[in-house]
Amino acid sequence: MTRHEALDLAQSVGVSVSAAPAGLRAIQEPGCSAAIWSRTPEPALQRWLDSLAPAHLPRARLILPSDEIREATTQVMKAQGLPECAAWAMFIDDVVALAALFSEIMDSPLLRLRLDVITTNACRKFHIDAVKARLICTYRGHATQYGNGAVGEEPVEVHDLPTGAPMILRGTQWPSGAAPGLLHRSPPIEGTGETRLVLVLDPIAADHDMEDEAQPH
């Protein structure tokens, strides 16, 4: 398995890379398995997130309309006991902006939002998610790894998404029914002392039962 860094993000077949957020819309184009917004994190926000103790990083699992994400994320941040500051507001603004863009691209007013704090080898096997599509953005720590390959096998070439760069991947429930052919995984970090903070967004059907998932846990 060969590792590649962020400079050659688009070397995998079916991956579209753009320097602008609108480039994430490429996920709707035929033959596109993933779309990446290759951006550099705001230094002040990155310094703040990297400085936080793991216990203070925001955690959430919610299903809610995209226009309620600002209030929900604000409450999650307050629940962690974090004092409000410029970076605090920048983080909320960024989550809200990504959710709004993803909701528009997927034509899905209802989203599943996860803020995961990860210290282990979560999802260490390369796979395709059993969803229509998924947005992943790692705010702290090493980001998602991906590459072309068959399900059940490791890609010959593995690419590392940059920290702070959002990626939308097609899942097995994409309407065309065709396997996207692009595998991904969380980077293996167990035993390194690293703590990752990852935002995950999924589109949700309007008739989904939200009773069991309306609160963070």
Protein backbone atom coordinates (compact mmCIF):
# COMPACT_ATOMS: atom_id res chain seq x y z
CA MET A 1 0.00 0.00 0.00
CA THR A 2 1.45 3.35 -1.06
CA ARG A 3 0.68 6.50 0.92
CA HIS A 4 0.17 9.89 -0.72
CA GLU A 5 -0.15 13.25 0.94
CA ALA A 6 -2.53 16.12 0.18
CA LEU A 7 -0.68 17.45 -2.87
CA ASP A 8 -2.16 14.83 -5.20
CA LEU A 9 -5.69 14.56 -3.84
CA ALA A 10 -7.31 14.01 -7.22
CA GLN A 11 -5.13 11.11 -8.33
CA SER A 12 -7.86 8.64 -7.33
CA VAL A 13 -10.36 7.92 -10.11
CA GLY A 14 -13.67 9.72 -9.63
CA VAL A 15 -12.41 12.31 -7.15
CA SER A 16 -13.06 15.99 -7.88
CA VAL A 17 -11.00 18.62 -6.03
CA SER A 18 -11.74 22.34 -5.90
CA ALA A 19 -10.36 25.34 -4.06
CA ALA A 20 -13.89 26.73 -3.63
CA PRO A 21 -16.88 25.43 -1.62
CA ALA A 22 -19.02 25.30 -4.77
CA GLY A 23 -16.74 22.52 -5.98
CA LEU A 24 -18.49 20.14 -3.60
CA ARG A 25 -21.43 20.22 -6.02
CA ALA A 26 -19.39 17.99 -8.33
CA ILE A 27 -20.68 15.01 -6.34
CA GLN A 28 -23.81 15.25 -8.53
CA GLU A 29 -21.84 14.82 -11.74
CA PRO A 30 -21.74 11.43 -13.49
CA GLY A 31 -18.74 9.35 -12.52
CA CYS A 32 -17.89 11.43 -9.45
CA SER A 33 -17.39 9.27 -6.34
CA ALA A 34 -16.17 12.05 -4.07
CA ALA A 35 -15.83 15.83 -4.08
CA ILE A 36 -13.26 17.67 -1.97
CA TRP A 37 -13.02 21.31 -0.99
CA SER A 38 -9.26 21.65 -0.55
CA ARG A 39 -9.02 24.48 1.94
CA THR A 40 -6.59 25.58 4.63
CA PRO A 41 -7.99 25.81 8.18
CA GLU A 42 -8.21 29.26 9.74
CA PRO A 43 -5.06 29.43 11.91
CA ALA A 44 -6.84 30.93 14.92
CA LEU A 45 -9.54 28.26 14.83
CA GLN A 46 -7.01 25.45 14.41
CA ARG A 47 -4.86 26.69 17.30
CA TRP A 48 -7.91 26.89 19.56
CA LEU A 49 -9.20 23.42 18.67
CA ASP A 50 -5.75 21.89 19.07
CA SER A 51 -5.38 23.52 22.50
CA LEU A 52 -8.57 22.06 23.96
CA ALA A 53 -8.44 19.13 26.34
CA PRO A 54 -10.17 16.09 24.78
CA ALA A 55 -12.89 16.23 27.44
CA HIS A 56 -13.85 19.71 26.25
CA LEU A 57 -14.22 18.87 22.56
CA PRO A 58 -17.86 19.03 21.37
CA ARG A 59 -19.72 15.73 20.99
CA ALA A 60 -23.15 15.32 19.40
CA ARG A 61 -25.44 12.89 17.60
CA LEU A 62 -28.49 14.67 16.25
CA ILE A 63 -31.10 14.46 13.52
CA LEU A 64 -32.62 17.84 12.81
CA PRO A 65 -33.51 20.34 10.06
CA SER A 66 -30.50 22.16 8.67
CA ASP A 67 -31.92 25.52 9.76
CA GLU A 68 -31.80 24.38 13.41
CA ILE A 69 -28.14 23.39 13.38
CA ARG A 70 -26.83 26.74 14.63
CA GLU A 71 -28.91 26.63 17.78
CA ALA A 72 -28.18 22.93 18.35
CA THR A 73 -24.43 23.32 17.85
CA THR A 74 -24.39 26.36 20.14
CA GLN A 75 -26.08 24.32 22.88
CA VAL A 76 -23.61 21.47 22.39
CA MET A 77 -20.70 23.89 22.78
CA LYS A 78 -22.19 25.43 25.91
CA ALA A 79 -22.77 21.97 27.38
CA GLN A 80 -19.00 21.35 27.15
CA GLY A 81 -18.40 24.36 29.37
CA LEU A 82 -16.35 26.17 26.77
CA PRO A 83 -16.10 29.95 27.21
CA GLU A 84 -17.29 31.91 24.22
CA CYS A 85 -14.56 33.47 22.12
CA ALA A 86 -13.87 34.37 18.48
CA ALA A 87 -12.73 30.82 17.61
CA TRP A 88 -15.77 29.36 19.40
CA ALA A 89 -18.03 31.37 17.08
CA MET A 90 -15.89 30.52 14.02
CA PHE A 91 -16.34 26.82 14.68
CA ILE A 92 -20.12 27.12 14.94
CA ASP A 93 -20.26 29.27 11.81
CA ASP A 94 -18.26 26.70 9.87
CA VAL A 95 -20.42 23.75 10.93
CA VAL A 96 -23.55 25.73 10.03
CA ALA A 97 -22.14 26.74 6.62
CA LEU A 98 -21.13 23.17 5.74
CA ALA A 99 -24.51 21.84 6.84
CA ALA A 100 -26.37 24.45 4.77
CA LEU A 101 -24.29 23.71 1.67
CA PHE A 102 -24.61 19.94 2.06
CA SER A 103 -28.38 20.24 2.64
CA GLU A 104 -28.72 22.26 -0.57
CA ILE A 105 -26.52 19.94 -2.65
CA MET A 106 -28.38 16.84 -1.47
CA ASP A 107 -31.81 18.55 -1.52
CA SER A 108 -32.30 17.27 2.03
CA PRO A 109 -33.59 19.75 4.64
CA LEU A 110 -33.21 17.05 7.30
CA LEU A 111 -29.69 15.97 8.29
CA ARG A 112 -27.98 13.61 10.67
CA LEU A 113 -25.14 15.48 12.39
CA ARG A 114 -22.36 13.82 14.32
CA LEU A 115 -19.47 15.45 16.11
CA ASP A 116 -17.20 12.55 17.03
CA VAL A 117 -14.19 12.72 19.32
CA ILE A 118 -11.96 9.79 18.34
CA THR A 119 -8.89 8.36 20.07
CA THR A 120 -8.96 4.81 18.68
CA ASN A 121 -8.80 3.09 15.30
CA ALA A 122 -12.48 3.73 14.56
CA CYS A 123 -13.61 2.40 11.17
CA ARG A 124 -10.06 1.25 10.45
CA LYS A 125 -11.11 -0.98 7.52
CA PHE A 126 -11.57 0.59 4.10
CA HIS A 127 -15.27 0.66 3.25
CA ILE A 128 -18.17 2.41 1.51
CA ASP A 129 -20.85 3.87 3.77
CA ALA A 130 -24.39 2.49 3.64
CA VAL A 131 -25.90 5.94 3.03
CA LYS A 132 -26.84 8.01 -0.01
CA ALA A 133 -23.91 10.35 0.57
CA ARG A 134 -21.85 11.63 3.48
CA LEU A 135 -19.90 14.79 4.24
CA ILE A 136 -16.82 14.34 6.43
CA CYS A 137 -14.64 17.13 7.78
CA THR A 138 -11.88 16.51 10.31
CA TYR A 139 -11.32 19.62 12.42
CA ARG A 140 -8.54 18.22 14.58
CA GLY A 141 -6.02 15.45 13.99
CA HIS A 142 -5.33 13.29 10.97
CA ALA A 143 -8.16 13.26 8.45
CA THR A 144 -9.85 10.57 6.35
CA GLN A 145 -7.82 8.23 4.13
CA TYR A 146 -9.22 7.09 0.78
CA GLY A 147 -8.36 5.27 -2.43
CA ASN A 148 -9.80 3.25 -5.31
CA GLY A 149 -10.39 -0.43 -4.74
CA ALA A 150 -12.82 -3.31 -4.36
CA VAL A 151 -14.85 -3.70 -1.19
CA GLY A 152 -13.03 -5.97 1.23
CA GLU A 153 -9.60 -5.05 -0.11
CA GLU A 154 -7.16 -2.27 0.72
CA PRO A 155 -6.45 0.27 -2.03
CA VAL A 156 -3.04 -0.01 -3.62
CA GLU A 157 -2.66 3.77 -3.31
CA VAL A 158 -3.98 5.59 -0.24
CA HIS A 159 -4.49 9.34 -0.09
CA ASP A 160 -4.70 11.49 3.04
CA LEU A 161 -7.35 14.21 3.15
CA PRO A 162 -6.00 17.42 4.72
CA THR A 163 -7.24 18.45 8.14
CA GLY A 164 -10.08 20.95 7.72
CA ALA A 165 -10.93 19.91 4.15
CA PRO A 166 -14.58 18.80 3.70
CA MET A 167 -15.23 15.75 1.53
CA ILE A 168 -18.56 14.45 0.20
CA LEU A 169 -18.56 10.75 -0.70
CA ARG A 170 -21.23 8.76 -2.47
CA GLY A 171 -22.52 5.77 -0.52
CA THR A 172 -24.10 2.46 -1.48
CA GLN A 173 -27.57 4.07 -1.46
CA TRP A 174 -26.75 6.60 -4.17
CA PRO A 175 -29.76 6.63 -6.59
CA SER A 176 -27.83 5.15 -9.51
CA GLY A 177 -27.33 1.99 -7.47
CA ALA A 178 -23.77 1.65 -8.74
CA ALA A 179 -20.95 1.11 -6.27
CA PRO A 180 -18.89 4.31 -6.12
CA GLY A 181 -15.61 2.37 -6.29
CA LEU A 182 -13.91 4.69 -3.79
CA LEU A 183 -13.08 3.31 -0.35
CA HIS A 184 -12.26 5.30 2.77
CA ARG A 185 -11.41 4.84 6.44
CA SER A 186 -10.46 6.69 9.59
CA PRO A 187 -6.68 6.87 9.96
CA PRO A 188 -5.24 4.41 12.50
CA ILE A 189 -4.19 6.45 15.57
CA GLU A 190 -4.61 4.07 18.50
CA GLY A 191 -1.67 4.27 20.87
CA THR A 192 -0.39 7.57 19.47
CA GLY A 193 -2.11 9.83 22.00
CA GLU A 194 -3.84 11.72 19.19
CA THR A 195 -7.41 12.96 19.56
CA ARG A 196 -9.43 13.65 16.44
CA LEU A 197 -12.54 15.85 16.09
CA VAL A 198 -14.69 14.88 13.11
CA LEU A 199 -17.91 16.32 11.70
CA VAL A 200 -20.13 13.84 9.80
CA LEU A 201 -23.31 14.84 7.94
CA ASP A 202 -25.82 12.49 6.28
CA PRO A 203 -29.01 13.36 4.36
CA ILE A 204 -32.14 11.96 6.02
CA ALA A 205 -35.54 11.21 4.47
CA ALA A 206 -38.28 13.56 5.64
CA ASP A 207 -40.35 10.70 7.11
CA HIS A 208 -37.49 9.47 9.34
CA ASP A 209 -38.48 8.80 12.96
CA MET A 210 -36.52 11.32 15.04
CA GLU A 211 -37.87 10.30 18.44
CA ASP A 212 -34.76 8.38 19.53
CA GLU A 213 -32.19 10.73 18.02
CA ALA A 214 -33.42 14.23 18.82
CA GLN A 215 -30.91 14.79 21.67
CA PRO A 216 -27.11 14.60 21.77
CA HIS A 217 -25.57 11.57 23.47
